[in-house]
C-alpha cells in the first residue's frame, strides 16, 4: 500500500496462518509520489522526490528496496512521463548488475 504520506507498506507472511503488514519505506525526507505496475512482468515500480535536493529516485517494489536515482523532463502533473522515466532507470540499473 502506498500511503498519501509517501510511505510504503507490504503484506508479509509471518507464519503458515498469519499475515502482517510491514513498512517498506518510511523516509520522511524522501516521500514516494507514485507507483506503476508492469503487468507483463508482474513487477511494481515506485518513485519519489527528495525534499532536500529535489532528486528523483525509484525502486522495484520489494521488502528491501534498491534505490536508483534518475532524471526526468516530466512537467508537473505528467505522471505518465514520470513513471516511464522511473521504470527505464530501474531496469537499466538492474541490467548493469
PDB file of N, CA and C in Angstrom:
ATOM      1  N   UNK A   1       0.835  -1.166   0.000  1.00  0.00           N
ATOM      2  CA  UNK A   1       0.000   0.000   0.000  1.00  0.00           C
ATOM      3  C   UNK A   1       0.890   1.243   0.000  1.00  0.00           C
ATOM      4  N   UNK A   2       0.638   2.116  -0.926  1.00  0.00           N
ATOM      5  CA  UNK A   2       1.339   3.402  -0.974  1.00  0.00           C
ATOM      6  C   UNK A   2       0.421   4.437  -0.324  1.00  0.00           C
ATOM      7  N   UNK A   3       0.827   4.946   0.830  1.00  0.00           N
ATOM      8  CA  UNK A   3       0.014   5.895   1.586  1.00  0.00           C
ATOM      9  C   UNK A   3       0.191   7.317   1.056  1.00  0.00           C
ATOM     10  N   UNK A   4      -0.778   8.165   1.315  1.00  0.00           N
ATOM     11  CA  UNK A   4      -0.707   9.566   0.880  1.00  0.00           C
ATOM     12  C   UNK A   4       0.459  10.305   1.538  1.00  0.00           C
ATOM     13  N   UNK A   5       1.018   9.754   2.590  1.00  0.00           N
ATOM     14  CA  UNK A   5       2.161  10.358   3.281  1.00  0.00           C
ATOM     15  C   UNK A   5       3.492  10.077   2.578  1.00  0.00           C
ATOM     16  N   UNK A   6       3.460   9.236   1.536  1.00  0.00           N
ATOM     17  CA  UNK A   6       4.695   8.875   0.839  1.00  0.00           C
ATOM     18  C   UNK A   6       5.364   7.641   1.404  1.00  0.00           C
ATOM     19  N   UNK A   7       4.688   6.970   2.325  1.00  0.00           N
ATOM     20  CA  UNK A   7       5.219   5.748   2.929  1.00  0.00           C
ATOM     21  C   UNK A   7       4.664   4.539   2.178  1.00  0.00           C
ATOM     22  N   UNK A   8       5.400   3.423   2.234  1.00  0.00           N
ATOM     23  CA  UNK A   8       5.024   2.213   1.505  1.00  0.00           C
ATOM     24  C   UNK A   8       5.004   1.026   2.455  1.00  0.00           C
ATOM     25  N   UNK A   9       3.960   0.231   2.358  1.00  0.00           N
ATOM     26  CA  UNK A   9       3.790  -0.936   3.216  1.00  0.00           C
ATOM     27  C   UNK A   9       3.492  -2.167   2.366  1.00  0.00           C
ATOM     28  N   UNK A  10       3.799  -3.348   2.921  1.00  0.00           N
ATOM     29  CA  UNK A  10       3.538  -4.612   2.230  1.00  0.00           C
ATOM     30  C   UNK A  10       2.967  -5.618   3.210  1.00  0.00           C
ATOM     31  N   UNK A  11       2.300  -6.610   2.665  1.00  0.00           N
ATOM     32  CA  UNK A  11       1.810  -7.718   3.476  1.00  0.00           C
ATOM     33  C   UNK A  11       2.820  -8.849   3.340  1.00  0.00           C
ATOM     34  N   UNK A  12       3.214  -9.397   4.477  1.00  0.00           N
ATOM     35  CA  UNK A  12       4.245 -10.436   4.521  1.00  0.00           C
ATOM     36  C   UNK A  12       3.716 -11.594   5.366  1.00  0.00           C
ATOM     37  N   UNK A  13       4.051 -12.804   4.955  1.00  0.00           N
ATOM     38  CA  UNK A  13       3.666 -13.976   5.729  1.00  0.00           C
ATOM     39  C   UNK A  13       4.492 -14.048   7.002  1.00  0.00           C
ATOM     40  N   UNK A  14       3.815 -14.103   8.136  1.00  0.00           N
ATOM     41  CA  UNK A  14       4.501 -14.207   9.425  1.00  0.00           C
ATOM     42  C   UNK A  14       4.753 -15.679   9.756  1.00  0.00           C
ATOM     43  N   UNK A  15       3.753 -16.488   9.528  1.00  0.00           N
ATOM     44  CA  UNK A  15       3.869 -17.939   9.678  1.00  0.00           C
ATOM     45  C   UNK A  15       2.831 -18.553   8.740  1.00  0.00           C
ATOM     46  N   UNK A  16       2.556 -19.829   8.876  1.00  0.00           N
ATOM     47  CA  UNK A  16       1.656 -20.509   7.938  1.00  0.00           C
ATOM     48  C   UNK A  16       0.260 -19.889   7.869  1.00  0.00           C
ATOM     49  N   UNK A  17      -0.205 -19.341   8.975  1.00  0.00           N
ATOM     50  CA  UNK A  17      -1.579 -18.860   9.024  1.00  0.00           C
ATOM     51  C   UNK A  17      -1.727 -17.359   9.232  1.00  0.00           C
ATOM     52  N   UNK A  18      -0.624 -16.659   9.453  1.00  0.00           N
ATOM     53  CA  UNK A  18      -0.713 -15.245   9.818  1.00  0.00           C
ATOM     54  C   UNK A  18       0.023 -14.361   8.817  1.00  0.00           C
ATOM     55  N   UNK A  19      -0.638 -13.281   8.456  1.00  0.00           N
ATOM     56  CA  UNK A  19      -0.019 -12.250   7.627  1.00  0.00           C
ATOM     57  C   UNK A  19       0.190 -11.016   8.488  1.00  0.00           C
ATOM     58  N   UNK A  20       1.212 -10.239   8.163  1.00  0.00           N
ATOM     59  CA  UNK A  20       1.443  -8.986   8.879  1.00  0.00           C
ATOM     60  C   UNK A  20       1.760  -7.883   7.890  1.00  0.00           C
ATOM     61  N   UNK A  21       1.448  -6.673   8.274  1.00  0.00           N
ATOM     62  CA  UNK A  21       1.786  -5.514   7.448  1.00  0.00           C
ATOM     63  C   UNK A  21       3.120  -4.987   7.933  1.00  0.00           C
ATOM     64  N   UNK A  22       4.068  -4.818   6.994  1.00  0.00           N
ATOM     65  CA  UNK A  22       5.393  -4.325   7.345  1.00  0.00           C
ATOM     66  C   UNK A  22       5.699  -3.058   6.543  1.00  0.00           C
ATOM     67  N   UNK A  23       6.463  -2.187   7.163  1.00  0.00           N
ATOM     68  CA  UNK A  23       6.891  -0.960   6.483  1.00  0.00           C
ATOM     69  C   UNK A  23       8.024  -1.287   5.523  1.00  0.00           C
ATOM     70  N   UNK A  24       7.897  -0.816   4.296  1.00  0.00           N
ATOM     71  CA  UNK A  24       8.949  -0.980   3.297  1.00  0.00           C
ATOM     72  C   UNK A  24       9.710   0.336   3.132  1.00  0.00           C
ATOM     73  N   UNK A  25       8.996   1.450   3.224  1.00  0.00           N
ATOM     74  CA  UNK A  25       9.602   2.771   3.025  1.00  0.00           C
ATOM     75  C   UNK A  25       8.898   3.778   3.920  1.00  0.00           C
ATOM     76  N   UNK A  26       9.648   4.429   4.805  1.00  0.00           N
ATOM     77  CA  UNK A  26       9.071   5.434   5.705  1.00  0.00           C
ATOM     78  C   UNK A  26       9.962   6.676   5.818  1.00  0.00           C
ATOM     79  N   UNK A  27      10.723   6.973   4.789  1.00  0.00           N
ATOM     80  CA  UNK A  27      11.644   8.100   4.810  1.00  0.00           C
ATOM     81  C   UNK A  27      10.871   9.408   4.621  1.00  0.00           C
ATOM     82  N   UNK A  28      10.783  10.212   5.669  1.00  0.00           N
ATOM     83  CA  UNK A  28      10.008  11.458   5.618  1.00  0.00           C
ATOM     84  C   UNK A  28      10.619  12.501   4.691  1.00  0.00           C
ATOM     85  N   UNK A  29      11.929  12.470   4.497  1.00  0.00           N
ATOM     86  CA  UNK A  29      12.573  13.458   3.634  1.00  0.00           C
ATOM     87  C   UNK A  29      12.573  13.029   2.171  1.00  0.00           C
ATOM     88  N   UNK A  30      12.229  11.765   1.917  1.00  0.00           N
ATOM     89  CA  UNK A  30      12.160  11.261   0.542  1.00  0.00           C
ATOM     90  C   UNK A  30      10.840  10.491   0.352  1.00  0.00           C
ATOM     91  N   UNK A  31       9.730  11.220   0.351  1.00  0.00           N
ATOM     92  CA  UNK A  31       8.445  10.542   0.204  1.00  0.00           C
ATOM     93  C   UNK A  31       8.245   9.995  -1.214  1.00  0.00           C
ATOM     94  N   UNK A  32       7.509   8.915  -1.289  1.00  0.00           N
ATOM     95  CA  UNK A  32       7.156   8.349  -2.585  1.00  0.00           C
ATOM     96  C   UNK A  32       5.990   9.140  -3.150  1.00  0.00           C
ATOM     97  N   UNK A  33       5.985   9.319  -4.484  1.00  0.00           N
ATOM     98  CA  UNK A  33       4.929  10.114  -5.102  1.00  0.00           C
ATOM     99  C   UNK A  33       4.100   9.324  -6.099  1.00  0.00           C
ATOM    100  N   UNK A  34       4.546   8.109  -6.428  1.00  0.00           N
ATOM    101  CA  UNK A  34       3.773   7.336  -7.389  1.00  0.00           C
ATOM    102  C   UNK A  34       4.252   5.910  -7.502  1.00  0.00           C
ATOM    103  N   UNK A  35       3.430   5.128  -8.192  1.00  0.00           N
ATOM    104  CA  UNK A  35       3.756   3.729  -8.435  1.00  0.00           C
ATOM    105  C   UNK A  35       3.164   3.335  -9.782  1.00  0.00           C
ATOM    106  N   UNK A  36       3.791   2.370 -10.432  1.00  0.00           N
ATOM    107  CA  UNK A  36       3.271   1.850 -11.695  1.00  0.00           C
ATOM    108  C   UNK A  36       3.544   0.351 -11.740  1.00  0.00           C
ATOM    109  N   UNK A  37       2.583  -0.379 -12.293  1.00  0.00           N
ATOM    110  CA  UNK A  37       2.722  -1.827 -12.369  1.00  0.00           C
ATOM    111  C   UNK A  37       2.999  -2.242 -13.797  1.00  0.00           C
ATOM    112  N   UNK A  38       4.017  -3.098 -13.963  1.00  0.00           N
ATOM    113  CA  UNK A  38       4.330  -3.731 -15.238  1.00  0.00           C
ATOM    114  C   UNK A  38       3.579  -5.062 -15.218  1.00  0.00           C
ATOM    115  N   UNK A  39       2.394  -5.096 -15.820  1.00  0.00           N
ATOM    116  CA  UNK A  39       1.558  -6.295 -15.731  1.00  0.00           C
ATOM    117  C   UNK A  39       2.132  -7.464 -16.525  1.00  0.00           C
ATOM    118  N   UNK A  40       2.910  -7.180 -17.543  1.00  0.00           N
ATOM    119  CA  UNK A  40       3.515  -8.250 -18.337  1.00  0.00           C
ATOM    120  C   UNK A  40       4.529  -9.029 -17.515  1.00  0.00           C
ATOM    121  N   UNK A  41       5.366  -8.319 -16.766  1.00  0.00           N
ATOM    122  CA  UNK A  41       6.431  -8.959 -15.987  1.00  0.00           C
ATOM    123  C   UNK A  41       6.096  -9.092 -14.501  1.00  0.00           C
ATOM    124  N   UNK A  42       4.891  -8.686 -14.127  1.00  0.00           N
ATOM    125  CA  UNK A  42       4.427  -8.780 -12.731  1.00  0.00           C
ATOM    126  C   UNK A  42       5.367  -8.080 -11.749  1.00  0.00           C
ATOM    127  N   UNK A  43       5.714  -6.844 -12.080  1.00  0.00           N
ATOM    128  CA  UNK A  43       6.574  -6.042 -11.217  1.00  0.00           C
ATOM    129  C   UNK A  43       5.896  -4.705 -10.953  1.00  0.00           C
ATOM    130  N   UNK A  44       6.208  -4.141  -9.799  1.00  0.00           N
ATOM    131  CA  UNK A  44       5.704  -2.818  -9.448  1.00  0.00           C
ATOM    132  C   UNK A  44       6.900  -1.927  -9.167  1.00  0.00           C
ATOM    133  N   UNK A  45       6.874  -0.731  -9.723  1.00  0.00           N
ATOM    134  CA  UNK A  45       7.943   0.240  -9.521  1.00  0.00           C
ATOM    135  C   UNK A  45       7.353   1.443  -8.805  1.00  0.00           C
ATOM    136  N   UNK A  46       8.092   1.971  -7.842  1.00  0.00           N
ATOM    137  CA  UNK A  46       7.651   3.149  -7.110  1.00  0.00           C
ATOM    138  C   UNK A  46       8.700   4.246  -7.255  1.00  0.00           C
ATOM    139  N   UNK A  47       8.258   5.493  -7.172  1.00  0.00           N
ATOM    140  CA  UNK A  47       9.191   6.593  -7.351  1.00  0.00           C
ATOM    141  C   UNK A  47       8.859   7.734  -6.417  1.00  0.00           C
ATOM    142  N   UNK A  48       9.890   8.542  -6.152  1.00  0.00           N
ATOM    143  CA  UNK A  48       9.726   9.648  -5.228  1.00  0.00           C
ATOM    144  C   UNK A  48      10.665  10.790  -5.542  1.00  0.00           C
ATOM    145  N   UNK A  49      10.572  11.804  -4.702  1.00  0.00           N
ATOM    146  CA  UNK A  49      11.383  13.007  -4.882  1.00  0.00           C
ATOM    147  C   UNK A  49      11.950  13.417  -3.530  1.00  0.00           C
ATOM    148  N   UNK A  50      13.265  13.588  -3.494  1.00  0.00           N
ATOM    149  CA  UNK A  50      13.943  14.016  -2.267  1.00  0.00           C
ATOM    150  C   UNK A  50      13.560  15.462  -1.974  1.00  0.00           C
ATOM    151  N   UNK A  51      13.044  15.718  -0.788  1.00  0.00           N
ATOM    152  CA  UNK A  51      12.614  17.075  -0.432  1.00  0.00           C
ATOM    153  C   UNK A  51      13.774  18.030  -0.199  1.00  0.00           C
ATOM    154  N   UNK A  52      14.955  17.496   0.067  1.00  0.00           N
ATOM    155  CA  UNK A  52      16.115  18.357   0.325  1.00  0.00           C
ATOM    156  C   UNK A  52      16.732  18.878  -0.963  1.00  0.00           C
ATOM    157  N   UNK A  53      17.004  17.982  -1.911  1.00  0.00           N
ATOM    158  CA  UNK A  53      17.704  18.408  -3.125  1.00  0.00           C
ATOM    159  C   UNK A  53      16.889  18.243  -4.408  1.00  0.00           C
ATOM    160  N   UNK A  54      15.663  17.726  -4.312  1.00  0.00           N
ATOM    161  CA  UNK A  54      14.802  17.595  -5.488  1.00  0.00           C
ATOM    162  C   UNK A  54      15.116  16.412  -6.384  1.00  0.00           C
ATOM    163  N   UNK A  55      16.126  15.617  -6.021  1.00  0.00           N
ATOM    164  CA  UNK A  55      16.484  14.475  -6.869  1.00  0.00           C
ATOM    165  C   UNK A  55      15.381  13.426  -6.875  1.00  0.00           C
ATOM    166  N   UNK A  56      15.183  12.852  -8.050  1.00  0.00           N
ATOM    167  CA  UNK A  56      14.212  11.774  -8.199  1.00  0.00           C
ATOM    168  C   UNK A  56      14.892  10.452  -7.886  1.00  0.00           C
ATOM    169  N   UNK A  57      14.124   9.505  -7.357  1.00  0.00           N
ATOM    170  CA  UNK A  57      14.643   8.171  -7.088  1.00  0.00           C
ATOM    171  C   UNK A  57      13.522   7.160  -7.303  1.00  0.00           C
ATOM    172  N   UNK A  58      13.894   5.927  -7.517  1.00  0.00           N
ATOM    173  CA  UNK A  58      12.909   4.885  -7.777  1.00  0.00           C
ATOM    174  C   UNK A  58      13.467   3.534  -7.368  1.00  0.00           C
ATOM    175  N   UNK A  59      12.574   2.577  -7.226  1.00  0.00           N
ATOM    176  CA  UNK A  59      12.995   1.199  -6.981  1.00  0.00           C
ATOM    177  C   UNK A  59      11.859   0.245  -7.333  1.00  0.00           C
ATOM    178  N   UNK A  60      12.256  -1.007  -7.565  1.00  0.00           N
ATOM    179  CA  UNK A  60      11.264  -2.049  -7.781  1.00  0.00           C
ATOM    180  C   UNK A  60      10.708  -2.425  -6.414  1.00  0.00           C
ATOM    181  N   UNK A  61       9.400  -2.564  -6.327  1.00  0.00           N
ATOM    182  CA  UNK A  61       8.757  -2.890  -5.069  1.00  0.00           C
ATOM    183  C   UNK A  61       9.270  -4.223  -4.536  1.00  0.00           C
ATOM    184  N   UNK A  62       9.654  -4.221  -3.285  1.00  0.00           N
ATOM    185  CA  UNK A  62      10.139  -5.413  -2.603  1.00  0.00           C
ATOM    186  C   UNK A  62      10.418  -5.055  -1.151  1.00  0.00           C
ATOM    187  N   UNK A  63      10.702  -6.053  -0.341  1.00  0.00           N
ATOM    188  CA  UNK A  63      10.920  -5.798   1.080  1.00  0.00           C
ATOM    189  C   UNK A  63      12.240  -5.097   1.367  1.00  0.00           C
ATOM    190  N   UNK A  64      13.194  -5.151   0.431  1.00  0.00           N
ATOM    191  CA  UNK A  64      14.481  -4.473   0.599  1.00  0.00           C
ATOM    192  C   UNK A  64      14.754  -3.612  -0.636  1.00  0.00           C
ATOM    193  N   UNK A  65      14.243  -2.382  -0.649  1.00  0.00           N
ATOM    194  CA  UNK A  65      14.388  -1.529  -1.828  1.00  0.00           C
ATOM    195  C   UNK A  65      15.846  -1.246  -2.201  1.00  0.00           C
ATOM    196  N   UNK A  66      16.111  -1.292  -3.498  1.00  0.00           N
ATOM    197  CA  UNK A  66      17.419  -0.919  -4.047  1.00  0.00           C
ATOM    198  C   UNK A  66      17.186   0.354  -4.859  1.00  0.00           C
ATOM    199  N   UNK A  67      17.518   1.470  -4.250  1.00  0.00           N
ATOM    200  CA  UNK A  67      17.203   2.784  -4.810  1.00  0.00           C
ATOM    201  C   UNK A  67      18.103   3.130  -5.994  1.00  0.00           C
ATOM    202  N   UNK A  68      17.472   3.654  -7.043  1.00  0.00           N
ATOM    203  CA  UNK A  68      18.160   4.154  -8.228  1.00  0.00           C
ATOM    204  C   UNK A  68      17.754   5.607  -8.416  1.00  0.00           C
ATOM    205  N   UNK A  69      18.723   6.485  -8.607  1.00  0.00           N
ATOM    206  CA  UNK A  69      18.413   7.889  -8.896  1.00  0.00           C
ATOM    207  C   UNK A  69      18.188   8.034 -10.398  1.00  0.00           C
ATOM    208  N   UNK A  70      17.316   8.965 -10.776  1.00  0.00           N
ATOM    209  CA  UNK A  70      17.073   9.195 -12.201  1.00  0.00           C
ATOM    210  C   UNK A  70      16.692  10.651 -12.431  1.00  0.00           C
ATOM    211  N   UNK A  71      16.738  11.028 -13.679  1.00  0.00           N
ATOM    212  CA  UNK A  71      16.336  12.379 -14.068  1.00  0.00           C
ATOM    213  C   UNK A  71      15.088  12.257 -14.946  1.00  0.00           C
ATOM    214  N   UNK A  72      14.270  13.276 -14.888  1.00  0.00           N
ATOM    215  CA  UNK A  72      13.072  13.295 -15.722  1.00  0.00           C
ATOM    216  C   UNK A  72      12.846  14.690 -16.264  1.00  0.00           C
ATOM    217  N   UNK A  73      12.242  14.738 -17.426  1.00  0.00           N
ATOM    218  CA  UNK A  73      11.854  16.021 -18.003  1.00  0.00           C
ATOM    219  C   UNK A  73      10.348  16.203 -17.908  1.00  0.00           C
ATOM    220  N   UNK A  74       9.709  15.363 -17.102  1.00  0.00           N
ATOM    221  CA  UNK A  74       8.256  15.438 -16.939  1.00  0.00           C
ATOM    222  C   UNK A  74       7.865  16.773 -16.315  1.00  0.00           C
ATOM    223  N   UNK A  75       6.831  17.351 -16.852  1.00  0.00           N
ATOM    224  CA  UNK A  75       6.275  18.583 -16.296  1.00  0.00           C
ATOM    225  C   UNK A  75       5.394  18.212 -15.105  1.00  0.00           C
ATOM    226  N   UNK A  76       5.157  19.141 -14.234  1.00  0.00           N
ATOM    227  CA  UNK A  76       4.284  18.901 -13.074  1.00  0.00           C
ATOM    228  C   UNK A  76       2.948  18.348 -13.556  1.00  0.00           C
ATOM    229  N   UNK A  77       2.512  17.280 -12.945  1.00  0.00           N
ATOM    230  CA  UNK A  77       1.241  16.668 -13.311  1.00  0.00           C
ATOM    231  C   UNK A  77       1.323  15.639 -14.414  1.00  0.00           C
ATOM    232  N   UNK A  78       2.503  15.463 -15.021  1.00  0.00           N
ATOM    233  CA  UNK A  78       2.664  14.469 -16.093  1.00  0.00           C
ATOM    234  C   UNK A  78       3.156  13.157 -15.492  1.00  0.00           C
ATOM    235  N   UNK A  79       2.269  12.480 -14.792  1.00  0.00           N
ATOM    236  CA  UNK A  79       2.623  11.228 -14.122  1.00  0.00           C
ATOM    237  C   UNK A  79       3.031  10.132 -15.079  1.00  0.00           C
ATOM    238  N   UNK A  80       2.480  10.127 -16.295  1.00  0.00           N
ATOM    239  CA  UNK A  80       2.834   9.097 -17.271  1.00  0.00           C
ATOM    240  C   UNK A  80       4.308   9.174 -17.652  1.00  0.00           C
ATOM    241  N   UNK A  81       4.777  10.374 -17.987  1.00  0.00           N
ATOM    242  CA  UNK A  81       6.188  10.562 -18.362  1.00  0.00           C
ATOM    243  C   UNK A  81       7.099  10.240 -17.181  1.00  0.00           C
ATOM    244  N   UNK A  82       6.713  10.677 -15.998  1.00  0.00           N
ATOM    245  CA  UNK A  82       7.495  10.411 -14.783  1.00  0.00           C
ATOM    246  C   UNK A  82       7.611   8.900 -14.552  1.00  0.00           C
ATOM    247  N   UNK A  83       6.508   8.189 -14.701  1.00  0.00           N
ATOM    248  CA  UNK A  83       6.510   6.738 -14.497  1.00  0.00           C
ATOM    249  C   UNK A  83       7.391   6.041 -15.535  1.00  0.00           C
ATOM    250  N   UNK A  84       7.333   6.483 -16.784  1.00  0.00           N
ATOM    251  CA  UNK A  84       8.194   5.908 -17.829  1.00  0.00           C
ATOM    252  C   UNK A  84       9.669   6.082 -17.472  1.00  0.00           C
ATOM    253  N   UNK A  85      10.054   7.266 -17.059  1.00  0.00           N
ATOM    254  CA  UNK A  85      11.445   7.535 -16.700  1.00  0.00           C
ATOM    255  C   UNK A  85      11.887   6.683 -15.516  1.00  0.00           C
ATOM    256  N   UNK A  86      10.997   6.516 -14.554  1.00  0.00           N
ATOM    257  CA  UNK A  86      11.271   5.704 -13.373  1.00  0.00           C
ATOM    258  C   UNK A  86      11.571   4.265 -13.773  1.00  0.00           C
ATOM    259  N   UNK A  87      10.692   3.659 -14.563  1.00  0.00           N
ATOM    260  CA  UNK A  87      10.848   2.255 -14.965  1.00  0.00           C
ATOM    261  C   UNK A  87      12.117   2.067 -15.788  1.00  0.00           C
ATOM    262  N   UNK A  88      12.361   2.971 -16.715  1.00  0.00           N
ATOM    263  CA  UNK A  88      13.584   2.866 -17.535  1.00  0.00           C
ATOM    264  C   UNK A  88      14.839   2.885 -16.667  1.00  0.00           C
ATOM    265  N   UNK A  89      14.871   3.773 -15.684  1.00  0.00           N
ATOM    266  CA  UNK A  89      16.047   3.892 -14.821  1.00  0.00           C
ATOM    267  C   UNK A  89      16.263   2.649 -13.981  1.00  0.00           C
ATOM    268  N   UNK A  90      15.219   2.115 -13.390  1.00  0.00           N
ATOM    269  CA  UNK A  90      15.352   0.929 -12.540  1.00  0.00           C
ATOM    270  C   UNK A  90      15.763  -0.276 -13.374  1.00  0.00           C
ATOM    271  N   UNK A  91      15.172  -0.435 -14.553  1.00  0.00           N
ATOM    272  CA  UNK A  91      15.536  -1.565 -15.410  1.00  0.00           C
ATOM    273  C   UNK A  91      16.966  -1.442 -15.907  1.00  0.00           C
ATOM    274  N   UNK A  92      17.401  -0.231 -16.250  1.00  0.00           N
ATOM    275  CA  UNK A  92      18.785  -0.027 -16.694  1.00  0.00           C
ATOM    276  C   UNK A  92      19.771  -0.343 -15.585  1.00  0.00           C
ATOM    277  N   UNK A  93      19.461   0.072 -14.363  1.00  0.00           N
ATOM    278  CA  UNK A  93      20.332  -0.216 -13.225  1.00  0.00           C
ATOM    279  C   UNK A  93      20.427  -1.726 -12.973  1.00  0.00           C
ATOM    280  N   UNK A  94      19.322  -2.428 -13.141  1.00  0.00           N
ATOM    281  CA  UNK A  94      19.312  -3.887 -12.926  1.00  0.00           C
ATOM    282  C   UNK A  94      20.163  -4.591 -13.988  1.00  0.00           C
ATOM    283  N   UNK A  95      20.155  -4.088 -15.223  1.00  0.00           N
ATOM    284  CA  UNK A  95      20.967  -4.697 -16.291  1.00  0.00           C
ATOM    285  C   UNK A  95      22.465  -4.531 -16.036  1.00  0.00           C
ATOM    286  N   UNK A  96      22.857  -3.451 -15.353  1.00  0.00           N
ATOM    287  CA  UNK A  96      24.261  -3.184 -15.094  1.00  0.00           C
ATOM    288  C   UNK A  96      24.848  -4.129 -14.066  1.00  0.00           C
ATOM    289  N   UNK A  97      24.018  -4.757 -13.261  1.00  0.00           N
ATOM    290  CA  UNK A  97      24.496  -5.621 -12.181  1.00  0.00           C
ATOM    291  C   UNK A  97      24.758  -7.021 -12.658  1.00  0.00           C
TER     292      UNK A  97
END
